[in-house]
């Protein structure tokens, strides 16, 4: 933004320096008008003179002036009356007053009404030129600031749109990356294909019913895709074993939680998802792993995910069992309320119809949707 303001200033200054400035001299004494015209000589200035404030207003309504120099004491309206009218008609013109009375009060009054400076007669060319240049510079800045303010809203809207698009692009990159990681896990274990998408949809359904804030829902989606990422570090002979695991094999399999958490815990935007990776195998009664957390020591996201992970495990084909119905899954999860699962989460789960769960399973959301 500052660069645009600087550009505006440079353009305005170039325009001001590159053309002849129109000056209106208002004085009832012809000699005074002629003197000012000589001081403000070509090629920098082009002067027009009038003898009264009323004539000045006619000229101001007819054309634009860069500078207006007016005597204060004149017949009729006088210079004091001219200032506010001229300011209303040409707000960006530099306005100087001249007076034969060296009275600070008169000068202050004129400047309060809108004059940029006042000059005491007899006029000195150097003082006149310096005063005109200061006033012109001041009004150049005023025009630049006004132009900047005029365009500021558009600039802010444009930058906001650019920022929003950049954020959306980054978020889309995150989602695509996480979805790819989830797919990588499922490629190793074809029996759980689609698991991440399904538990993502299940989690969102329960979370919304439990009034989980919207900003936390993205963490649930990310956690759904990453919860089993630690399985990438589990040997195939254990991960893909068709039968029951031995006690030693089970210990190795359980390490996928710690492996996964160590992979994502240091990534700021995955902080919420990391909680699901760390706690999705904890039990409400404290007999889960890896930390044996109990009750509300387990984050709500982890308690929700424990239910939906079990739901998908029961209703999907696995090496050790065939897929069961959603009604059967409801009965199993209801029986485990207060033991494996948080009773509040189970209650929300049971309020969802079997048809809804089946629909979510058939139409599981992608992270990039």
Protein backbone atom coordinates (compact mmCIF):
# COMPACT_ATOMS: atom_id res chain seq x y z
CA UNK A 1 0.00 0.00 0.00
CA UNK A 2 2.78 2.43 0.89
CA UNK A 3 4.34 1.83 -2.53
CA UNK A 4 1.07 2.80 -4.20
CA UNK A 5 0.89 5.99 -2.13
CA UNK A 6 4.47 6.81 -3.09
CA UNK A 7 3.65 6.19 -6.73
CA UNK A 8 0.65 8.52 -6.47
CA UNK A 9 2.89 11.18 -4.90
CA UNK A 10 5.49 10.86 -7.64
CA UNK A 11 2.86 11.10 -10.37
CA UNK A 12 1.20 14.11 -8.74
CA UNK A 13 4.51 15.92 -8.30
CA UNK A 14 5.50 15.19 -11.90
CA UNK A 15 2.16 16.52 -13.11
CA UNK A 16 2.50 19.65 -10.95
CA UNK A 17 6.04 20.37 -12.09
CA UNK A 18 5.32 19.54 -15.71
CA UNK A 19 2.60 22.11 -16.47
CA UNK A 20 1.98 25.81 -16.02
CA UNK A 21 0.03 26.64 -12.86
CA UNK A 22 -3.12 28.73 -13.17
CA UNK A 23 -3.18 31.61 -10.66
CA UNK A 24 -6.10 33.90 -9.85
CA UNK A 25 -5.06 37.24 -8.31
CA UNK A 26 -7.86 39.10 -6.52
CA UNK A 27 -7.12 42.70 -5.56
CA UNK A 28 -8.97 45.98 -6.06
CA UNK A 29 -5.67 47.72 -6.82
CA UNK A 30 -4.50 47.13 -10.43
CA UNK A 31 -0.90 47.82 -9.44
CA UNK A 32 -1.01 45.08 -6.82
CA UNK A 33 -2.41 42.61 -9.36
CA UNK A 34 0.32 43.55 -11.83
CA UNK A 35 3.03 43.18 -9.20
CA UNK A 36 1.91 39.66 -8.28
CA UNK A 37 1.71 38.72 -11.96
CA UNK A 38 5.32 39.82 -12.37
CA UNK A 39 6.42 37.83 -9.30
CA UNK A 40 4.55 34.73 -10.50
CA UNK A 41 6.02 34.92 -13.97
CA UNK A 42 6.07 32.43 -16.84
CA UNK A 43 6.79 29.64 -17.58
CA UNK A 44 5.83 28.35 -14.13
CA UNK A 45 2.64 30.38 -13.67
CA UNK A 46 -0.12 31.89 -15.73
CA UNK A 47 -1.98 34.68 -13.93
CA UNK A 48 -5.47 36.11 -14.29
CA UNK A 49 -6.49 39.17 -12.29
CA UNK A 50 -9.86 40.41 -11.02
CA UNK A 51 -10.76 43.40 -8.81
CA UNK A 52 -13.45 42.03 -6.48
CA UNK A 53 -14.41 38.84 -4.64
CA UNK A 54 -17.62 38.66 -6.67
CA UNK A 55 -15.62 38.66 -9.92
CA UNK A 56 -13.35 36.02 -8.41
CA UNK A 57 -16.32 33.70 -7.75
CA UNK A 58 -17.43 34.08 -11.37
CA UNK A 59 -13.93 33.07 -12.52
CA UNK A 60 -13.73 30.18 -10.04
CA UNK A 61 -17.05 28.79 -11.25
CA UNK A 62 -15.86 29.08 -14.85
CA UNK A 63 -12.49 27.31 -14.56
CA UNK A 64 -10.11 25.64 -12.17
CA UNK A 65 -7.18 27.42 -10.55
CA UNK A 66 -4.16 25.96 -8.84
CA UNK A 67 -3.54 29.08 -6.75
CA UNK A 68 -5.79 31.90 -5.54
CA UNK A 69 -4.13 34.99 -4.05
CA UNK A 70 -6.58 37.46 -2.55
CA UNK A 71 -6.33 40.76 -0.75
CA UNK A 72 -8.33 40.83 2.49
CA UNK A 73 -9.60 44.42 2.33
CA UNK A 74 -11.69 45.01 -0.79
CA UNK A 75 -15.12 46.52 -1.52
CA UNK A 76 -18.09 44.16 -1.22
CA UNK A 77 -17.53 40.67 0.13
CA UNK A 78 -13.83 41.15 0.68
CA UNK A 79 -11.17 38.49 1.01
CA UNK A 80 -12.52 37.05 4.29
CA UNK A 81 -15.88 36.32 2.66
CA UNK A 82 -14.23 34.86 -0.43
CA UNK A 83 -12.20 32.20 1.41
CA UNK A 84 -15.00 29.77 2.43
CA UNK A 85 -16.82 30.14 -0.91
CA UNK A 86 -13.65 29.52 -2.88
CA UNK A 87 -12.78 26.55 -0.66
CA UNK A 88 -16.22 25.04 -1.29
CA UNK A 89 -15.90 25.45 -5.05
CA UNK A 90 -12.23 24.50 -5.42
CA UNK A 91 -11.11 22.64 -2.29
CA UNK A 92 -7.69 21.69 -3.66
CA UNK A 93 -6.61 25.13 -4.83
CA UNK A 94 -3.87 26.77 -2.79
CA UNK A 95 -5.32 29.91 -1.16
CA UNK A 96 -3.13 32.80 0.02
CA UNK A 97 -4.26 36.13 1.43
CA UNK A 98 -2.42 39.42 1.35
CA UNK A 99 -2.91 42.29 3.78
CA UNK A 100 -1.41 45.67 4.49
CA UNK A 101 -1.94 45.18 8.23
CA UNK A 102 0.64 43.09 10.07
CA UNK A 103 -1.90 41.67 12.48
CA UNK A 104 -1.50 38.05 13.61
CA UNK A 105 -5.20 37.85 14.57
CA UNK A 106 -6.21 38.69 11.00
CA UNK A 107 -3.90 35.98 9.65
CA UNK A 108 -5.20 33.40 12.13
CA UNK A 109 -8.80 34.23 11.23
CA UNK A 110 -8.04 33.82 7.52
CA UNK A 111 -6.31 30.47 8.05
CA UNK A 112 -9.18 29.19 10.21
CA UNK A 113 -11.50 29.91 7.30
CA UNK A 114 -9.29 27.89 4.96
CA UNK A 115 -6.39 30.06 3.82
CA UNK A 116 -3.03 28.30 3.58
CA UNK A 117 -0.89 31.33 4.39
CA UNK A 118 -1.02 35.11 4.63
CA UNK A 119 1.47 37.64 3.28
CA UNK A 120 2.01 41.15 4.58
CA UNK A 121 2.45 43.99 2.08
CA UNK A 122 4.74 45.20 0.71
CA UNK A 123 5.21 41.80 -0.91
CA UNK A 124 8.64 40.28 -1.45
CA UNK A 125 9.04 38.02 -4.46
CA UNK A 126 11.05 35.38 -2.58
CA UNK A 127 8.45 35.18 0.19
CA UNK A 128 5.58 35.00 -2.29
CA UNK A 129 7.18 32.18 -4.32
CA UNK A 130 8.08 30.21 -1.18
CA UNK A 131 4.55 30.56 0.21
CA UNK A 132 2.98 29.49 -3.08
CA UNK A 133 5.26 26.45 -3.35
CA UNK A 134 4.48 25.37 0.23
CA UNK A 135 0.74 25.71 -0.37
CA UNK A 136 0.91 23.82 -3.66
CA UNK A 137 2.89 21.01 -2.06
CA UNK A 138 0.38 20.81 0.78
CA UNK A 139 -2.55 20.50 -1.60
CA UNK A 140 -0.74 17.97 -3.74
CA UNK A 141 -0.44 15.80 -0.64
CA UNK A 142 -4.10 16.35 0.22
CA UNK A 143 -5.13 15.19 -3.25
CA UNK A 144 -2.89 12.16 -3.00
CA UNK A 145 -4.27 11.21 0.40
CA UNK A 146 -7.84 11.68 -0.79
CA UNK A 147 -7.15 9.55 -3.84
CA UNK A 148 -5.53 6.94 -1.64
CA UNK A 149 -8.52 6.91 0.72
CA UNK A 150 -10.88 6.68 -2.23
CA UNK A 151 -9.12 3.58 -3.52
CA UNK A 152 -8.30 2.11 -0.11
CA UNK A 153 -11.51 0.09 0.16
CA UNK A 154 -10.90 -1.48 -3.25
CA UNK A 155 -7.26 -2.14 -2.34
CA UNK A 156 -8.25 -3.80 0.94
CA UNK A 157 -10.92 -5.90 -0.79
CA UNK A 158 -8.43 -6.96 -3.45
CA UNK A 159 -5.73 -7.86 -0.93
CA UNK A 160 -8.30 -9.70 1.22
CA UNK A 161 -9.43 -11.72 -1.78
CA UNK A 162 -5.81 -12.51 -2.66
CA UNK A 163 -5.09 -13.58 0.92
CA UNK A 164 -8.23 -15.71 1.05
CA UNK A 165 -7.30 -17.40 -2.22
CA UNK A 166 -3.77 -18.04 -0.95
CA UNK A 167 -5.09 -19.54 2.30
CA UNK A 168 -7.53 -21.73 0.39
CA UNK A 169 -4.72 -22.88 -1.86
CA UNK A 170 -2.55 -23.75 1.14
CA UNK A 171 -5.42 -25.56 2.86
CA UNK A 172 -6.14 -27.50 -0.32
CA UNK A 173 -2.47 -28.50 -0.48
CA UNK A 174 -2.64 -29.66 3.15
CA UNK A 175 -5.78 -31.68 2.48
CA UNK A 176 -4.39 -33.27 -0.66
CA UNK A 177 -1.19 -34.20 1.17
CA UNK A 178 -3.06 -35.69 4.13
CA UNK A 179 -5.40 -37.61 1.87
CA UNK A 180 -2.39 -39.02 0.04
CA UNK A 181 -0.84 -40.08 3.35
CA UNK A 182 -4.08 -41.79 4.35
CA UNK A 183 -4.17 -43.55 1.01
CA UNK A 184 -0.57 -44.68 1.50
CA UNK A 185 -1.55 -46.42 4.74
CA UNK A 186 -4.51 -48.10 3.07
CA UNK A 187 -2.36 -49.27 0.16
CA UNK A 188 -0.34 -51.32 2.65
CA UNK A 189 -3.48 -52.75 4.20
CA UNK A 190 -6.03 -53.32 1.42
CA UNK A 191 -8.51 -54.79 3.89
CA UNK A 192 -9.07 -51.30 5.36
CA UNK A 193 -9.55 -49.49 2.02
CA UNK A 194 -11.86 -46.49 2.45
CA UNK A 195 -11.55 -46.63 6.25
CA UNK A 196 -10.18 -43.08 6.60
CA UNK A 197 -12.95 -41.56 4.51
CA UNK A 198 -15.68 -43.42 6.34
CA UNK A 199 -14.48 -42.58 9.85
CA UNK A 200 -14.10 -38.97 8.72
CA UNK A 201 -17.79 -38.85 7.78
CA UNK A 202 -18.84 -40.69 10.95
CA UNK A 203 -16.80 -38.32 13.14
CA UNK A 204 -18.35 -35.22 11.60
CA UNK A 205 -21.87 -36.56 12.13
CA UNK A 206 -21.33 -37.12 15.85
CA UNK A 207 -19.30 -33.93 16.32
CA UNK A 208 -22.04 -31.77 14.84
CA UNK A 209 -24.65 -33.41 17.06
CA UNK A 210 -22.43 -32.66 20.06
CA UNK A 211 -22.11 -28.99 18.96
CA UNK A 212 -18.36 -29.20 18.44
CA UNK A 213 -17.18 -25.75 17.21
CA UNK A 214 -16.85 -25.52 13.43
CA UNK A 215 -13.16 -24.61 13.62
CA UNK A 216 -12.44 -27.95 15.33
CA UNK A 217 -14.17 -30.05 12.68
CA UNK A 218 -11.18 -29.71 10.34
CA UNK A 219 -9.03 -31.31 13.05
CA UNK A 220 -11.38 -34.29 13.08
CA UNK A 221 -11.04 -34.69 9.32
CA UNK A 222 -7.27 -34.42 9.48
CA UNK A 223 -7.12 -36.83 12.40
CA UNK A 224 -9.31 -39.30 10.51
CA UNK A 225 -6.84 -39.42 7.66
CA UNK A 226 -3.76 -39.58 9.87
CA UNK A 227 -4.85 -41.73 12.81
CA UNK A 228 -3.19 -44.87 11.47
CA UNK A 229 -0.19 -43.23 9.82
CA UNK A 230 2.09 -44.97 12.31
CA UNK A 231 1.22 -48.29 10.64
CA UNK A 232 3.71 -47.32 7.95
CA UNK A 233 6.34 -48.30 10.50
CA UNK A 234 4.82 -51.72 11.32
CA UNK A 235 6.31 -54.80 9.57
CA UNK A 236 4.11 -56.40 6.92
CA UNK A 237 4.18 -59.82 8.59
CA UNK A 238 2.35 -58.29 11.55
CA UNK A 239 0.26 -55.61 9.82
CA UNK A 240 -1.05 -58.04 7.18
CA UNK A 241 -1.30 -61.18 9.34
CA UNK A 242 -4.66 -62.85 8.58
CA UNK A 243 -5.05 -64.49 11.97
CA UNK A 244 -4.93 -63.33 15.61
CA UNK A 245 -1.74 -61.61 16.79
CA UNK A 246 0.44 -63.04 19.50
CA UNK A 247 1.07 -60.99 22.65
CA UNK A 248 4.45 -59.84 21.32
CA UNK A 249 2.99 -59.02 17.92
CA UNK A 250 0.19 -57.07 19.58
CA UNK A 251 2.75 -54.94 21.44
CA UNK A 252 4.50 -54.17 18.17
CA UNK A 253 1.19 -53.33 16.50
CA UNK A 254 0.28 -50.99 19.34
CA UNK A 255 3.47 -49.03 18.67
CA UNK A 256 1.78 -47.53 15.60
CA UNK A 257 0.14 -44.98 17.91
CA UNK A 258 3.45 -43.67 19.26
CA UNK A 259 5.07 -43.84 15.82
CA UNK A 260 2.24 -41.86 14.26
CA UNK A 261 2.19 -39.26 17.03
CA UNK A 262 5.94 -38.71 16.73
CA UNK A 263 5.52 -38.11 12.99
CA UNK A 264 2.92 -35.34 13.31
CA UNK A 265 3.37 -33.77 16.76
CA UNK A 266 5.89 -31.16 15.61
CA UNK A 267 3.74 -29.82 12.77
CA UNK A 268 1.76 -26.74 13.95
CA UNK A 269 -1.27 -27.10 11.68
CA UNK A 270 -1.62 -30.77 12.72
CA UNK A 271 -1.70 -30.07 16.45
CA UNK A 272 -5.40 -30.94 16.74
CA UNK A 273 -5.06 -33.98 14.50
CA UNK A 274 -2.11 -35.22 16.55
CA UNK A 275 -4.41 -35.55 19.57
CA UNK A 276 -6.53 -38.07 17.65
CA UNK A 277 -3.44 -39.96 16.48
CA UNK A 278 -2.24 -40.15 20.12
CA UNK A 279 -5.53 -41.05 21.82
CA UNK A 280 -7.74 -43.01 19.41
CA UNK A 281 -6.94 -46.31 21.20
CA UNK A 282 -7.45 -44.98 24.73
CA UNK A 283 -10.48 -46.31 26.62
CA UNK A 284 -12.92 -44.34 28.75
CA UNK A 285 -12.29 -46.74 31.66
CA UNK A 286 -8.53 -46.17 31.52
CA UNK A 287 -7.54 -49.57 30.12
CA UNK A 288 -6.53 -48.35 26.70
CA UNK A 289 -3.12 -47.54 25.26
CA UNK A 290 -0.55 -46.03 25.01
CA UNK A 291 -0.99 -43.81 28.11
CA UNK A 292 -3.95 -45.41 29.92
CA UNK A 293 -5.87 -42.11 29.95
CA UNK A 294 -9.26 -42.20 31.64
CA UNK A 295 -12.55 -40.34 31.19
CA UNK A 296 -12.19 -36.72 30.21
CA UNK A 297 -8.41 -36.98 30.34
CA UNK A 298 -8.96 -38.14 26.80
CA UNK A 299 -9.69 -35.19 24.46
CA UNK A 300 -13.24 -35.13 23.10
CA UNK A 301 -11.92 -35.67 19.58
CA UNK A 302 -10.25 -38.89 20.76
CA UNK A 303 -13.41 -40.06 22.54
CA UNK A 304 -15.49 -39.43 19.41
CA UNK A 305 -12.97 -41.15 17.21
CA UNK A 306 -12.85 -44.25 19.43
CA UNK A 307 -16.56 -44.80 18.76
CA UNK A 308 -16.41 -44.27 15.00
CA UNK A 309 -13.26 -46.37 14.66
CA UNK A 310 -15.07 -49.22 16.34
CA UNK A 311 -18.17 -48.64 14.20
CA UNK A 312 -16.17 -48.99 11.00
CA UNK A 313 -14.20 -51.97 12.28
CA UNK A 314 -17.44 -53.83 13.08
CA UNK A 315 -19.23 -52.97 9.81
CA UNK A 316 -16.29 -53.62 7.44
CA UNK A 317 -14.70 -56.82 6.21
CA UNK A 318 -11.47 -57.52 8.07
CA UNK A 319 -9.04 -60.48 7.95
CA UNK A 320 -10.46 -61.80 11.23
CA UNK A 321 -14.22 -61.27 10.65
CA UNK A 322 -16.89 -60.51 8.08
CA UNK A 323 -18.73 -57.17 8.08
CA UNK A 324 -21.62 -57.01 10.55
CA UNK A 325 -24.74 -54.82 10.32
CA UNK A 326 -25.02 -51.30 11.70
CA UNK A 327 -27.71 -52.58 14.08
CA UNK A 328 -25.21 -55.07 15.49
CA UNK A 329 -22.61 -52.30 15.79
CA UNK A 330 -25.12 -50.18 17.73
CA UNK A 331 -25.68 -53.02 20.20
CA UNK A 332 -21.93 -53.57 20.71
CA UNK A 333 -21.17 -49.88 21.22
CA UNK A 334 -24.19 -49.41 23.53
CA UNK A 335 -22.90 -52.23 25.74
CA UNK A 336 -19.44 -50.60 25.95
CA UNK A 337 -20.73 -47.19 27.10
CA UNK A 338 -18.86 -46.23 30.26
CA UNK A 339 -16.20 -48.88 29.65
CA UNK A 340 -14.53 -48.54 26.25
CA UNK A 341 -16.52 -45.47 25.22
CA UNK A 342 -17.66 -42.13 26.63
CA UNK A 343 -21.42 -42.48 27.47
CA UNK A 344 -22.14 -38.97 26.11
CA UNK A 345 -20.55 -39.80 22.77
CA UNK A 346 -22.42 -43.12 22.68
CA UNK A 347 -25.71 -41.32 23.34
CA UNK A 348 -25.10 -38.99 20.39
CA UNK A 349 -24.09 -41.97 18.26
CA UNK A 350 -27.29 -43.86 19.12
CA UNK A 351 -29.41 -40.85 18.14
CA UNK A 352 -28.27 -41.29 14.54
CA UNK A 353 -30.36 -43.63 12.43
CA UNK A 354 -28.94 -46.74 10.84
CA UNK A 355 -29.90 -45.32 7.45
CA UNK A 356 -27.76 -42.23 8.08
CA UNK A 357 -24.70 -44.35 8.94
CA UNK A 358 -25.24 -46.46 5.82
CA UNK A 359 -25.52 -43.34 3.68
CA UNK A 360 -22.31 -41.89 5.12
CA UNK A 361 -20.50 -45.20 4.52
CA UNK A 362 -21.61 -45.22 0.88
CA UNK A 363 -20.83 -41.55 0.27
CA UNK A 364 -17.85 -40.80 2.50
CA UNK A 365 -16.45 -37.26 2.08
CA UNK A 366 -13.06 -36.56 0.58
CA UNK A 367 -10.85 -34.04 2.34
CA UNK A 368 -10.66 -31.97 -0.83
CA UNK A 369 -14.42 -31.69 -1.15
